[in-house]
Amino acid sequence: MSKRRRRFKQSQSLEVRLAAEAEHLREKAEKAPPGTERETLLRRARQFEEGLHMSEWLRTPGLQ
């Protein structure tokens, strides 16, 4: 018996979701006290922003 994949139709584009999550993490980091948790939140926000930039770069007409 094979497992069936659960597929979801995304209502927002990848870029919108990445930007929203990065913004959410930055807001959460601003409220957090200085320390490792804050640094982790900021690092994750930067990773989401880098993913956003890569996705936009890959969608440029010159690469397609």
N, C-alpha and C. Protein backbone atom coordinates (compact mmCIF):
# COMPACT_ATOMS: atom_id res chain seq x y z
N MET A 1 0.85 -1.18 0.00
CA MET A 1 0.00 0.00 0.00
C MET A 1 0.90 1.24 0.00
N SER A 2 0.74 2.09 -0.98
CA SER A 2 1.58 3.28 -1.08
C SER A 2 0.95 4.46 -0.34
N LYS A 3 1.82 5.31 0.15
CA LYS A 3 1.33 6.51 0.84
C LYS A 3 1.00 7.57 -0.20
N ARG A 4 -0.02 8.32 0.08
CA ARG A 4 -0.40 9.41 -0.82
C ARG A 4 0.15 10.71 -0.28
N ARG A 5 0.69 11.51 -1.17
CA ARG A 5 1.21 12.81 -0.77
C ARG A 5 0.06 13.77 -0.54
N ARG A 6 0.20 14.54 0.50
CA ARG A 6 -0.79 15.60 0.72
C ARG A 6 -0.29 16.84 -0.01
N ARG A 7 -1.04 17.29 -0.95
CA ARG A 7 -0.64 18.46 -1.73
C ARG A 7 -1.57 19.61 -1.42
N PHE A 8 -0.98 20.76 -1.23
CA PHE A 8 -1.76 21.95 -0.93
C PHE A 8 -1.50 23.01 -1.99
N LYS A 9 -2.53 23.65 -2.42
CA LYS A 9 -2.40 24.75 -3.35
C LYS A 9 -2.09 26.00 -2.53
N GLN A 10 -0.95 26.60 -2.78
CA GLN A 10 -0.54 27.78 -2.02
C GLN A 10 -1.34 28.99 -2.51
N SER A 11 -1.86 29.76 -1.56
CA SER A 11 -2.65 30.93 -1.93
C SER A 11 -1.77 32.14 -2.19
N GLN A 12 -0.55 32.11 -1.68
CA GLN A 12 0.38 33.22 -1.89
C GLN A 12 1.64 32.69 -2.55
N SER A 13 2.33 33.57 -3.26
CA SER A 13 3.56 33.15 -3.93
C SER A 13 4.66 32.89 -2.90
N LEU A 14 5.68 32.19 -3.32
CA LEU A 14 6.81 31.88 -2.45
C LEU A 14 7.46 33.16 -1.94
N GLU A 15 7.61 34.15 -2.83
CA GLU A 15 8.25 35.40 -2.44
C GLU A 15 7.47 36.11 -1.34
N VAL A 16 6.16 36.13 -1.45
CA VAL A 16 5.32 36.78 -0.44
C VAL A 16 5.45 36.06 0.89
N ARG A 17 5.43 34.73 0.85
CA ARG A 17 5.54 33.96 2.09
C ARG A 17 6.90 34.13 2.74
N LEU A 18 7.98 34.15 1.95
CA LEU A 18 9.32 34.34 2.50
C LEU A 18 9.46 35.72 3.13
N ALA A 19 8.96 36.75 2.45
CA ALA A 19 9.05 38.11 2.97
C ALA A 19 8.25 38.26 4.26
N ALA A 20 7.07 37.67 4.31
CA ALA A 20 6.24 37.76 5.51
C ALA A 20 6.90 37.06 6.69
N GLU A 21 7.47 35.90 6.46
CA GLU A 21 8.12 35.17 7.55
C GLU A 21 9.37 35.90 8.04
N ALA A 22 10.14 36.49 7.12
CA ALA A 22 11.32 37.25 7.51
C ALA A 22 10.92 38.45 8.36
N GLU A 23 9.86 39.14 7.95
CA GLU A 23 9.38 40.29 8.72
C GLU A 23 8.90 39.86 10.10
N HIS A 24 8.17 38.76 10.16
CA HIS A 24 7.67 38.24 11.43
C HIS A 24 8.84 37.90 12.37
N LEU A 25 9.86 37.26 11.85
CA LEU A 25 11.02 36.89 12.68
C LEU A 25 11.78 38.12 13.16
N ARG A 26 11.90 39.13 12.30
CA ARG A 26 12.59 40.37 12.72
C ARG A 26 11.81 41.07 13.84
N GLU A 27 10.49 41.11 13.72
CA GLU A 27 9.67 41.73 14.78
C GLU A 27 9.82 40.96 16.09
N LYS A 28 9.83 39.64 15.99
CA LYS A 28 9.99 38.81 17.18
C LYS A 28 11.37 39.03 17.80
N ALA A 29 12.40 39.19 16.97
CA ALA A 29 13.76 39.41 17.46
C ALA A 29 13.89 40.76 18.15
N GLU A 30 13.17 41.77 17.65
CA GLU A 30 13.21 43.10 18.29
C GLU A 30 12.68 43.05 19.71
N LYS A 31 11.70 42.20 19.94
CA LYS A 31 11.08 42.10 21.27
C LYS A 31 11.88 41.20 22.20
N ALA A 32 12.73 40.35 21.64
CA ALA A 32 13.49 39.40 22.45
C ALA A 32 14.67 40.11 23.12
N PRO A 33 15.04 39.68 24.32
CA PRO A 33 16.21 40.26 24.98
C PRO A 33 17.49 39.82 24.25
N PRO A 34 18.54 40.63 24.35
CA PRO A 34 19.80 40.25 23.70
C PRO A 34 20.26 38.87 24.19
N GLY A 35 20.73 38.08 23.27
CA GLY A 35 21.19 36.74 23.63
C GLY A 35 21.13 35.80 22.44
N THR A 36 21.26 34.53 22.74
CA THR A 36 21.32 33.53 21.66
C THR A 36 19.99 33.39 20.93
N GLU A 37 18.87 33.51 21.64
CA GLU A 37 17.57 33.37 20.97
C GLU A 37 17.38 34.49 19.95
N ARG A 38 17.74 35.70 20.33
CA ARG A 38 17.62 36.84 19.43
C ARG A 38 18.51 36.66 18.20
N GLU A 39 19.74 36.21 18.42
CA GLU A 39 20.66 35.99 17.31
C GLU A 39 20.14 34.89 16.38
N THR A 40 19.55 33.87 16.94
CA THR A 40 18.98 32.79 16.13
C THR A 40 17.82 33.31 15.28
N LEU A 41 16.97 34.13 15.88
CA LEU A 41 15.84 34.70 15.13
C LEU A 41 16.34 35.59 13.99
N LEU A 42 17.35 36.41 14.26
CA LEU A 42 17.89 37.28 13.22
C LEU A 42 18.56 36.47 12.11
N ARG A 43 19.24 35.41 12.48
CA ARG A 43 19.89 34.55 11.48
C ARG A 43 18.84 33.90 10.58
N ARG A 44 17.77 33.42 11.18
CA ARG A 44 16.69 32.80 10.39
C ARG A 44 16.03 33.82 9.47
N ALA A 45 15.84 35.05 9.97
CA ALA A 45 15.25 36.11 9.14
C ALA A 45 16.14 36.39 7.94
N ARG A 46 17.46 36.45 8.16
CA ARG A 46 18.39 36.68 7.05
C ARG A 46 18.33 35.53 6.04
N GLN A 47 18.19 34.30 6.54
CA GLN A 47 18.10 33.15 5.63
C GLN A 47 16.84 33.24 4.76
N PHE A 48 15.73 33.66 5.35
CA PHE A 48 14.50 33.82 4.56
C PHE A 48 14.68 34.93 3.53
N GLU A 49 15.34 36.02 3.91
CA GLU A 49 15.57 37.11 2.96
C GLU A 49 16.50 36.67 1.84
N GLU A 50 17.52 35.88 2.15
CA GLU A 50 18.41 35.36 1.11
C GLU A 50 17.64 34.45 0.17
N GLY A 51 16.77 33.63 0.70
CA GLY A 51 15.94 32.77 -0.13
C GLY A 51 15.04 33.59 -1.04
N LEU A 52 14.51 34.68 -0.52
CA LEU A 52 13.67 35.57 -1.32
C LEU A 52 14.47 36.16 -2.48
N HIS A 53 15.69 36.63 -2.18
CA HIS A 53 16.53 37.22 -3.24
C HIS A 53 16.91 36.17 -4.29
N MET A 54 17.21 34.96 -3.84
CA MET A 54 17.55 33.89 -4.80
C MET A 54 16.36 33.56 -5.69
N SER A 55 15.19 33.48 -5.09
CA SER A 55 14.00 33.17 -5.87
C SER A 55 13.73 34.25 -6.91
N GLU A 56 13.87 35.51 -6.50
CA GLU A 56 13.67 36.61 -7.45
C GLU A 56 14.72 36.56 -8.55
N TRP A 57 15.96 36.26 -8.18
CA TRP A 57 17.04 36.20 -9.16
C TRP A 57 16.79 35.09 -10.17
N LEU A 58 16.32 33.94 -9.69
CA LEU A 58 16.07 32.82 -10.59
C LEU A 58 14.90 33.08 -11.53
N ARG A 59 14.03 34.00 -11.18
CA ARG A 59 12.88 34.31 -12.03
C ARG A 59 13.18 35.41 -13.05
N THR A 60 14.39 35.96 -13.04
CA THR A 60 14.71 37.02 -14.00
C THR A 60 14.69 36.45 -15.41
N PRO A 61 14.29 37.26 -16.38
CA PRO A 61 14.17 36.77 -17.76
C PRO A 61 15.49 36.27 -18.35
N GLY A 62 16.62 36.82 -17.93
CA GLY A 62 17.90 36.40 -18.49
C GLY A 62 18.26 34.96 -18.17
N LEU A 63 17.75 34.42 -17.09
CA LEU A 63 18.07 33.06 -16.69
C LEU A 63 17.11 32.03 -17.26
N GLN A 64 16.00 32.47 -17.80
CA GLN A 64 15.00 31.51 -18.28
C GLN A 64 15.15 31.19 -19.73
